[in-house]
Amino acid sequence: MAVLNCGNPSDDSLAILEAYKDFDIEVLQQDRGIRLKLTNAPAEAFVDGRMIRGIREHLSSIIRDIVYVYNEIQHHNRFDLSTGEGTTNAVFHILRKAGTLKPGRDPSLVVCWGGHSIPEKSTNIPKMWVTT
């Protein structure tokens, strides 16, 4: 939903989810991959009935990362996601797989991952900052 709603100036995730409470995404398997079926998606993600190419590319990247995390991170003893060190190691591997980190080249990268619009009283929601 965040990618589909990228033109919205609001970062109030609860308001966005309420505005699109009928939104649904279905993954349909096809011979050579998958197709996403979106129901009640934000109209701003489309021009003349076609999804904006940049948004489509972001969705493809998200699917790639979800599959990688599920297959290679989440179900392997190599990553202890209950510790800061294990989570940092997992994030490093995700960024490397995504092509964000290139061997032999300074990363010149700062990543702020969530938390910027979470109220301070929401202590049960983790905030993570990764810098390289």
N, C-alpha and C. Protein backbone atom coordinates (compact mmCIF):
# COMPACT_ATOMS: atom_id res chain seq x y z
N MET A 1 0.83 -1.19 0.00
CA MET A 1 0.00 0.00 0.00
C MET A 1 0.88 1.26 0.00
N ALA A 2 2.00 1.20 0.69
CA ALA A 2 2.88 2.38 0.75
C ALA A 2 3.37 2.76 -0.65
N VAL A 3 3.76 1.80 -1.45
CA VAL A 3 4.25 2.09 -2.80
C VAL A 3 3.12 2.63 -3.67
N LEU A 4 1.95 2.04 -3.58
CA LEU A 4 0.81 2.48 -4.38
C LEU A 4 0.34 3.88 -3.99
N ASN A 5 0.63 4.28 -2.79
CA ASN A 5 0.16 5.55 -2.25
C ASN A 5 1.28 6.61 -2.24
N CYS A 6 2.29 6.43 -3.08
CA CYS A 6 3.49 7.26 -2.99
C CYS A 6 3.26 8.74 -3.30
N GLY A 7 2.21 9.12 -3.99
CA GLY A 7 1.96 10.52 -4.29
C GLY A 7 1.23 11.27 -3.20
N ASN A 8 0.80 10.58 -2.17
CA ASN A 8 0.03 11.18 -1.10
C ASN A 8 0.97 11.90 -0.13
N PRO A 9 0.71 13.16 0.19
CA PRO A 9 1.60 13.89 1.10
C PRO A 9 1.50 13.42 2.56
N SER A 10 0.49 12.65 2.89
CA SER A 10 0.32 12.18 4.27
C SER A 10 1.17 10.95 4.53
N ASP A 11 1.72 10.86 5.74
CA ASP A 11 2.41 9.63 6.14
C ASP A 11 1.70 8.98 7.33
N ASP A 12 0.41 9.28 7.47
CA ASP A 12 -0.41 8.69 8.52
C ASP A 12 -0.92 7.34 8.02
N SER A 13 -0.19 6.28 8.39
CA SER A 13 -0.51 4.96 7.85
C SER A 13 -1.90 4.49 8.26
N LEU A 14 -2.36 4.84 9.46
CA LEU A 14 -3.70 4.42 9.89
C LEU A 14 -4.78 5.08 9.03
N ALA A 15 -4.61 6.36 8.72
CA ALA A 15 -5.58 7.07 7.87
C ALA A 15 -5.59 6.49 6.45
N ILE A 16 -4.41 6.14 5.94
CA ILE A 16 -4.32 5.57 4.60
C ILE A 16 -5.00 4.20 4.57
N LEU A 17 -4.72 3.38 5.57
CA LEU A 17 -5.36 2.06 5.62
C LEU A 17 -6.87 2.18 5.78
N GLU A 18 -7.33 3.17 6.52
CA GLU A 18 -8.77 3.39 6.68
C GLU A 18 -9.39 3.84 5.36
N ALA A 19 -8.69 4.70 4.63
CA ALA A 19 -9.21 5.20 3.36
C ALA A 19 -9.31 4.09 2.31
N TYR A 20 -8.45 3.09 2.43
CA TYR A 20 -8.43 1.99 1.46
C TYR A 20 -8.67 0.66 2.15
N LYS A 21 -9.64 0.63 3.07
CA LYS A 21 -9.89 -0.60 3.83
C LYS A 21 -10.41 -1.74 2.95
N ASP A 22 -10.90 -1.41 1.75
CA ASP A 22 -11.36 -2.45 0.82
C ASP A 22 -10.26 -2.88 -0.14
N PHE A 23 -9.04 -2.35 0.05
CA PHE A 23 -7.92 -2.71 -0.81
C PHE A 23 -7.56 -4.18 -0.61
N ASP A 24 -7.23 -4.85 -1.71
CA ASP A 24 -6.79 -6.23 -1.62
C ASP A 24 -5.76 -6.48 -2.71
N ILE A 25 -4.82 -7.34 -2.41
CA ILE A 25 -3.82 -7.74 -3.39
C ILE A 25 -3.78 -9.26 -3.41
N GLU A 26 -3.89 -9.80 -4.60
CA GLU A 26 -3.91 -11.25 -4.76
C GLU A 26 -2.77 -11.64 -5.69
N VAL A 27 -2.02 -12.67 -5.32
CA VAL A 27 -0.92 -13.16 -6.14
C VAL A 27 -1.45 -14.33 -6.97
N LEU A 28 -1.41 -14.18 -8.29
CA LEU A 28 -1.89 -15.21 -9.20
C LEU A 28 -0.71 -15.87 -9.89
N GLN A 29 -0.59 -17.17 -9.76
CA GLN A 29 0.50 -17.89 -10.40
C GLN A 29 0.23 -18.06 -11.88
N GLN A 30 1.26 -17.82 -12.69
CA GLN A 30 1.18 -18.00 -14.13
C GLN A 30 2.33 -18.89 -14.59
N ASP A 31 2.32 -19.28 -15.86
CA ASP A 31 3.34 -20.19 -16.38
C ASP A 31 4.76 -19.69 -16.12
N ARG A 32 5.00 -18.42 -16.33
CA ARG A 32 6.36 -17.89 -16.23
C ARG A 32 6.51 -16.90 -15.08
N GLY A 33 5.75 -17.06 -14.04
CA GLY A 33 5.89 -16.15 -12.92
C GLY A 33 4.57 -15.92 -12.21
N ILE A 34 4.38 -14.70 -11.79
CA ILE A 34 3.17 -14.34 -11.07
C ILE A 34 2.58 -13.06 -11.65
N ARG A 35 1.34 -12.83 -11.32
CA ARG A 35 0.64 -11.58 -11.67
C ARG A 35 -0.04 -11.12 -10.40
N LEU A 36 -0.02 -9.81 -10.18
CA LEU A 36 -0.71 -9.26 -9.02
C LEU A 36 -2.07 -8.74 -9.44
N LYS A 37 -3.08 -9.11 -8.71
CA LYS A 37 -4.43 -8.59 -8.94
C LYS A 37 -4.73 -7.63 -7.79
N LEU A 38 -4.89 -6.35 -8.14
CA LEU A 38 -5.16 -5.32 -7.14
C LEU A 38 -6.63 -4.94 -7.19
N THR A 39 -7.24 -4.86 -6.02
CA THR A 39 -8.63 -4.45 -5.91
C THR A 39 -8.70 -3.20 -5.06
N ASN A 40 -9.38 -2.18 -5.55
CA ASN A 40 -9.56 -0.91 -4.84
C ASN A 40 -8.23 -0.26 -4.45
N ALA A 41 -7.28 -0.25 -5.39
CA ALA A 41 -5.99 0.41 -5.18
C ALA A 41 -6.13 1.91 -5.40
N PRO A 42 -5.23 2.71 -4.83
CA PRO A 42 -5.28 4.16 -5.03
C PRO A 42 -5.19 4.53 -6.52
N ALA A 43 -6.11 5.36 -6.98
CA ALA A 43 -6.15 5.76 -8.39
C ALA A 43 -4.89 6.49 -8.82
N GLU A 44 -4.20 7.14 -7.87
CA GLU A 44 -2.99 7.91 -8.19
C GLU A 44 -1.85 7.02 -8.68
N ALA A 45 -1.96 5.71 -8.49
CA ALA A 45 -0.92 4.78 -8.93
C ALA A 45 -1.06 4.41 -10.41
N PHE A 46 -2.10 4.96 -11.06
CA PHE A 46 -2.41 4.57 -12.44
C PHE A 46 -2.58 5.80 -13.32
N VAL A 47 -2.24 5.64 -14.59
CA VAL A 47 -2.50 6.65 -15.61
C VAL A 47 -3.14 5.92 -16.78
N ASP A 48 -4.31 6.38 -17.19
CA ASP A 48 -5.06 5.74 -18.28
C ASP A 48 -5.23 4.24 -18.06
N GLY A 49 -5.50 3.86 -16.82
CA GLY A 49 -5.77 2.46 -16.50
C GLY A 49 -4.54 1.58 -16.37
N ARG A 50 -3.35 2.13 -16.56
CA ARG A 50 -2.11 1.35 -16.43
C ARG A 50 -1.31 1.86 -15.24
N MET A 51 -0.75 0.91 -14.49
CA MET A 51 0.06 1.29 -13.33
C MET A 51 1.30 2.04 -13.81
N ILE A 52 1.66 3.08 -13.09
CA ILE A 52 2.86 3.87 -13.39
C ILE A 52 4.07 2.94 -13.33
N ARG A 53 4.94 3.04 -14.32
CA ARG A 53 6.07 2.11 -14.43
C ARG A 53 6.95 2.09 -13.17
N GLY A 54 7.25 3.23 -12.61
CA GLY A 54 8.09 3.27 -11.40
C GLY A 54 7.44 2.53 -10.24
N ILE A 55 6.14 2.66 -10.11
CA ILE A 55 5.41 1.96 -9.05
C ILE A 55 5.43 0.45 -9.32
N ARG A 56 5.24 0.08 -10.57
CA ARG A 56 5.30 -1.34 -10.94
C ARG A 56 6.69 -1.92 -10.63
N GLU A 57 7.75 -1.16 -10.91
CA GLU A 57 9.11 -1.62 -10.61
C GLU A 57 9.33 -1.77 -9.11
N HIS A 58 8.79 -0.83 -8.33
CA HIS A 58 8.91 -0.93 -6.87
C HIS A 58 8.19 -2.17 -6.35
N LEU A 59 7.01 -2.45 -6.87
CA LEU A 59 6.28 -3.65 -6.45
C LEU A 59 7.07 -4.92 -6.79
N SER A 60 7.71 -4.93 -7.95
CA SER A 60 8.54 -6.09 -8.32
C SER A 60 9.70 -6.25 -7.34
N SER A 61 10.30 -5.15 -6.95
CA SER A 61 11.40 -5.21 -5.98
C SER A 61 10.92 -5.71 -4.62
N ILE A 62 9.74 -5.28 -4.23
CA ILE A 62 9.18 -5.73 -2.95
C ILE A 62 8.94 -7.24 -2.98
N ILE A 63 8.39 -7.74 -4.08
CA ILE A 63 8.15 -9.18 -4.20
C ILE A 63 9.48 -9.93 -4.15
N ARG A 64 10.48 -9.45 -4.88
CA ARG A 64 11.81 -10.07 -4.85
C ARG A 64 12.33 -10.14 -3.41
N ASP A 65 12.21 -9.03 -2.68
CA ASP A 65 12.73 -8.99 -1.31
C ASP A 65 11.94 -9.89 -0.36
N ILE A 66 10.62 -9.94 -0.53
CA ILE A 66 9.80 -10.80 0.32
C ILE A 66 10.17 -12.27 0.11
N VAL A 67 10.31 -12.66 -1.15
CA VAL A 67 10.67 -14.05 -1.45
C VAL A 67 12.06 -14.36 -0.89
N TYR A 68 13.01 -13.44 -1.07
CA TYR A 68 14.36 -13.66 -0.55
C TYR A 68 14.35 -13.78 0.98
N VAL A 69 13.67 -12.86 1.65
CA VAL A 69 13.63 -12.90 3.11
C VAL A 69 12.97 -14.20 3.59
N TYR A 70 11.90 -14.59 2.96
CA TYR A 70 11.21 -15.82 3.36
C TYR A 70 12.10 -17.04 3.16
N ASN A 71 12.71 -17.15 1.98
CA ASN A 71 13.48 -18.35 1.65
C ASN A 71 14.87 -18.38 2.28
N GLU A 72 15.53 -17.23 2.37
CA GLU A 72 16.94 -17.22 2.75
C GLU A 72 17.23 -16.64 4.14
N ILE A 73 16.33 -15.87 4.69
CA ILE A 73 16.59 -15.21 5.97
C ILE A 73 15.73 -15.79 7.09
N GLN A 74 14.45 -15.74 6.90
CA GLN A 74 13.49 -16.04 7.97
C GLN A 74 13.60 -17.47 8.49
N HIS A 75 13.88 -18.42 7.64
CA HIS A 75 13.85 -19.83 8.03
C HIS A 75 15.23 -20.47 8.10
N HIS A 76 16.26 -19.67 8.36
CA HIS A 76 17.60 -20.20 8.48
C HIS A 76 18.17 -19.84 9.86
N ASN A 77 18.81 -20.79 10.50
CA ASN A 77 19.40 -20.57 11.82
C ASN A 77 20.56 -19.57 11.77
N ARG A 78 21.04 -19.28 10.60
CA ARG A 78 22.17 -18.36 10.42
C ARG A 78 21.83 -16.94 10.89
N PHE A 79 20.55 -16.58 10.89
CA PHE A 79 20.13 -15.24 11.27
C PHE A 79 19.24 -15.31 12.50
N ASP A 80 19.71 -14.76 13.61
CA ASP A 80 18.91 -14.71 14.83
C ASP A 80 18.22 -13.35 14.87
N LEU A 81 16.99 -13.31 14.38
CA LEU A 81 16.26 -12.04 14.26
C LEU A 81 15.77 -11.50 15.61
N SER A 82 16.04 -12.21 16.68
CA SER A 82 15.65 -11.71 18.01
C SER A 82 16.76 -10.85 18.62
N THR A 83 17.89 -10.73 17.94
CA THR A 83 18.99 -9.90 18.45
C THR A 83 19.29 -8.78 17.47
N GLY A 84 19.84 -7.71 17.97
CA GLY A 84 20.24 -6.60 17.11
C GLY A 84 21.30 -7.01 16.11
N GLU A 85 22.27 -7.80 16.55
CA GLU A 85 23.34 -8.26 15.66
C GLU A 85 22.78 -9.14 14.53
N GLY A 86 21.88 -10.05 14.88
CA GLY A 86 21.29 -10.92 13.87
C GLY A 86 20.43 -10.15 12.89
N THR A 87 19.68 -9.18 13.38
CA THR A 87 18.84 -8.35 12.50
C THR A 87 19.70 -7.51 11.57
N THR A 88 20.78 -6.92 12.12
CA THR A 88 21.69 -6.12 11.29
C THR A 88 22.32 -6.99 10.21
N ASN A 89 22.72 -8.19 10.56
CA ASN A 89 23.29 -9.13 9.60
C ASN A 89 22.27 -9.45 8.50
N ALA A 90 21.02 -9.69 8.89
CA ALA A 90 19.97 -9.98 7.92
C ALA A 90 19.74 -8.79 6.99
N VAL A 91 19.67 -7.58 7.55
CA VAL A 91 19.47 -6.38 6.73
C VAL A 91 20.62 -6.22 5.74
N PHE A 92 21.84 -6.47 6.19
CA PHE A 92 23.00 -6.40 5.29
C PHE A 92 22.81 -7.36 4.11
N HIS A 93 22.40 -8.60 4.39
CA HIS A 93 22.22 -9.58 3.33
C HIS A 93 21.07 -9.19 2.38
N ILE A 94 20.01 -8.61 2.93
CA ILE A 94 18.89 -8.15 2.09
C ILE A 94 19.36 -7.03 1.16
N LEU A 95 20.09 -6.06 1.70
CA LEU A 95 20.59 -4.94 0.88
C LEU A 95 21.57 -5.43 -0.18
N ARG A 96 22.42 -6.39 0.19
CA ARG A 96 23.36 -6.94 -0.78
C ARG A 96 22.63 -7.67 -1.91
N LYS A 97 21.63 -8.47 -1.55
CA LYS A 97 20.85 -9.20 -2.56
C LYS A 97 20.11 -8.24 -3.50
N ALA A 98 19.66 -7.12 -2.95
CA ALA A 98 18.92 -6.14 -3.74
C ALA A 98 19.84 -5.31 -4.65
N GLY A 99 21.16 -5.52 -4.52
CA GLY A 99 22.10 -4.78 -5.36
C GLY A 99 22.42 -3.40 -4.83
N THR A 100 22.02 -3.12 -3.60
CA THR A 100 22.28 -1.81 -3.01
C THR A 100 23.74 -1.68 -2.60
N LEU A 101 24.31 -2.77 -2.11
CA LEU A 101 25.71 -2.79 -1.69
C LEU A 101 26.53 -3.51 -2.75
N LYS A 102 27.57 -2.84 -3.26
CA LYS A 102 28.43 -3.41 -4.30
C LYS A 102 29.82 -3.63 -3.74
N PRO A 103 30.39 -4.83 -3.92
CA PRO A 103 31.74 -5.11 -3.43
C PRO A 103 32.76 -4.15 -4.05
N GLY A 104 33.72 -3.70 -3.24
CA GLY A 104 34.79 -2.84 -3.74
C GLY A 104 34.39 -1.40 -3.95
N ARG A 105 33.20 -1.03 -3.53
CA ARG A 105 32.74 0.35 -3.71
C ARG A 105 32.16 0.85 -2.40
N ASP A 106 32.54 2.06 -1.97
CA ASP A 106 31.97 2.63 -0.76
C ASP A 106 30.47 2.80 -0.94
N PRO A 107 29.69 2.39 0.06
CA PRO A 107 28.24 2.43 -0.12
C PRO A 107 27.65 3.83 -0.19
N SER A 108 28.21 4.80 0.52
CA SER A 108 27.67 6.16 0.51
C SER A 108 26.15 6.13 0.67
N LEU A 109 25.70 5.50 1.74
CA LEU A 109 24.29 5.22 1.90
C LEU A 109 23.87 5.39 3.35
N VAL A 110 22.71 5.98 3.55
CA VAL A 110 22.08 6.03 4.86
C VAL A 110 20.65 5.56 4.66
N VAL A 111 20.21 4.62 5.50
CA VAL A 111 18.87 4.08 5.39
C VAL A 111 18.11 4.36 6.68
N CYS A 112 16.95 4.98 6.58
CA CYS A 112 16.05 5.16 7.72
C CYS A 112 14.88 4.22 7.46
N TRP A 113 14.71 3.25 8.33
CA TRP A 113 13.74 2.20 8.06
C TRP A 113 12.60 2.30 9.05
N GLY A 114 11.54 2.95 8.66
CA GLY A 114 10.33 3.02 9.48
C GLY A 114 10.49 3.86 10.72
N GLY A 115 9.41 3.98 11.42
CA GLY A 115 9.42 4.64 12.72
C GLY A 115 9.23 6.13 12.71
N HIS A 116 9.38 6.79 11.56
CA HIS A 116 9.34 8.24 11.54
C HIS A 116 7.96 8.81 11.86
N SER A 117 6.91 8.06 11.62
CA SER A 117 5.58 8.59 11.91
C SER A 117 4.85 7.77 12.97
N ILE A 118 5.60 6.95 13.70
CA ILE A 118 5.00 6.16 14.77
C ILE A 118 5.01 6.99 16.04
N PRO A 119 3.86 7.16 16.68
CA PRO A 119 3.83 7.95 17.91
C PRO A 119 4.76 7.37 18.97
N GLU A 120 5.34 8.25 19.78
CA GLU A 120 6.27 7.83 20.82
C GLU A 120 5.64 6.85 21.80
N LYS A 121 4.33 6.92 22.00
CA LYS A 121 3.66 6.03 22.96
C LYS A 121 3.57 4.59 22.45
N SER A 122 3.86 4.37 21.17
CA SER A 122 3.77 3.03 20.59
C SER A 122 5.08 2.28 20.82
N THR A 123 5.38 1.97 22.06
CA THR A 123 6.66 1.34 22.39
C THR A 123 6.75 -0.10 21.94
N ASN A 124 5.64 -0.73 21.60
CA ASN A 124 5.68 -2.12 21.16
C ASN A 124 6.04 -2.26 19.68
N ILE A 125 6.19 -1.14 18.96
CA ILE A 125 6.56 -1.18 17.55
C ILE A 125 8.03 -0.81 17.45
N PRO A 126 8.88 -1.71 16.92
CA PRO A 126 10.32 -1.42 16.87
C PRO A 126 10.65 -0.34 15.85
N LYS A 127 11.66 0.43 16.17
CA LYS A 127 12.21 1.41 15.25
C LYS A 127 13.63 0.98 14.95
N MET A 128 14.04 1.04 13.69
CA MET A 128 15.36 0.58 13.33
C MET A 128 16.05 1.63 12.47
N TRP A 129 17.28 1.90 12.77
CA TRP A 129 18.09 2.81 11.97
C TRP A 129 19.31 2.03 11.52
N VAL A 130 19.57 2.00 10.24
CA VAL A 130 20.73 1.33 9.70
C VAL A 130 21.55 2.36 8.95
N THR A 131 22.81 2.47 9.26
CA THR A 131 23.68 3.39 8.54
C THR A 131 24.92 2.64 8.11
N THR A 132 25.44 3.04 6.97
CA THR A 132 26.69 2.46 6.50
C THR A 132 27.57 3.57 5.99
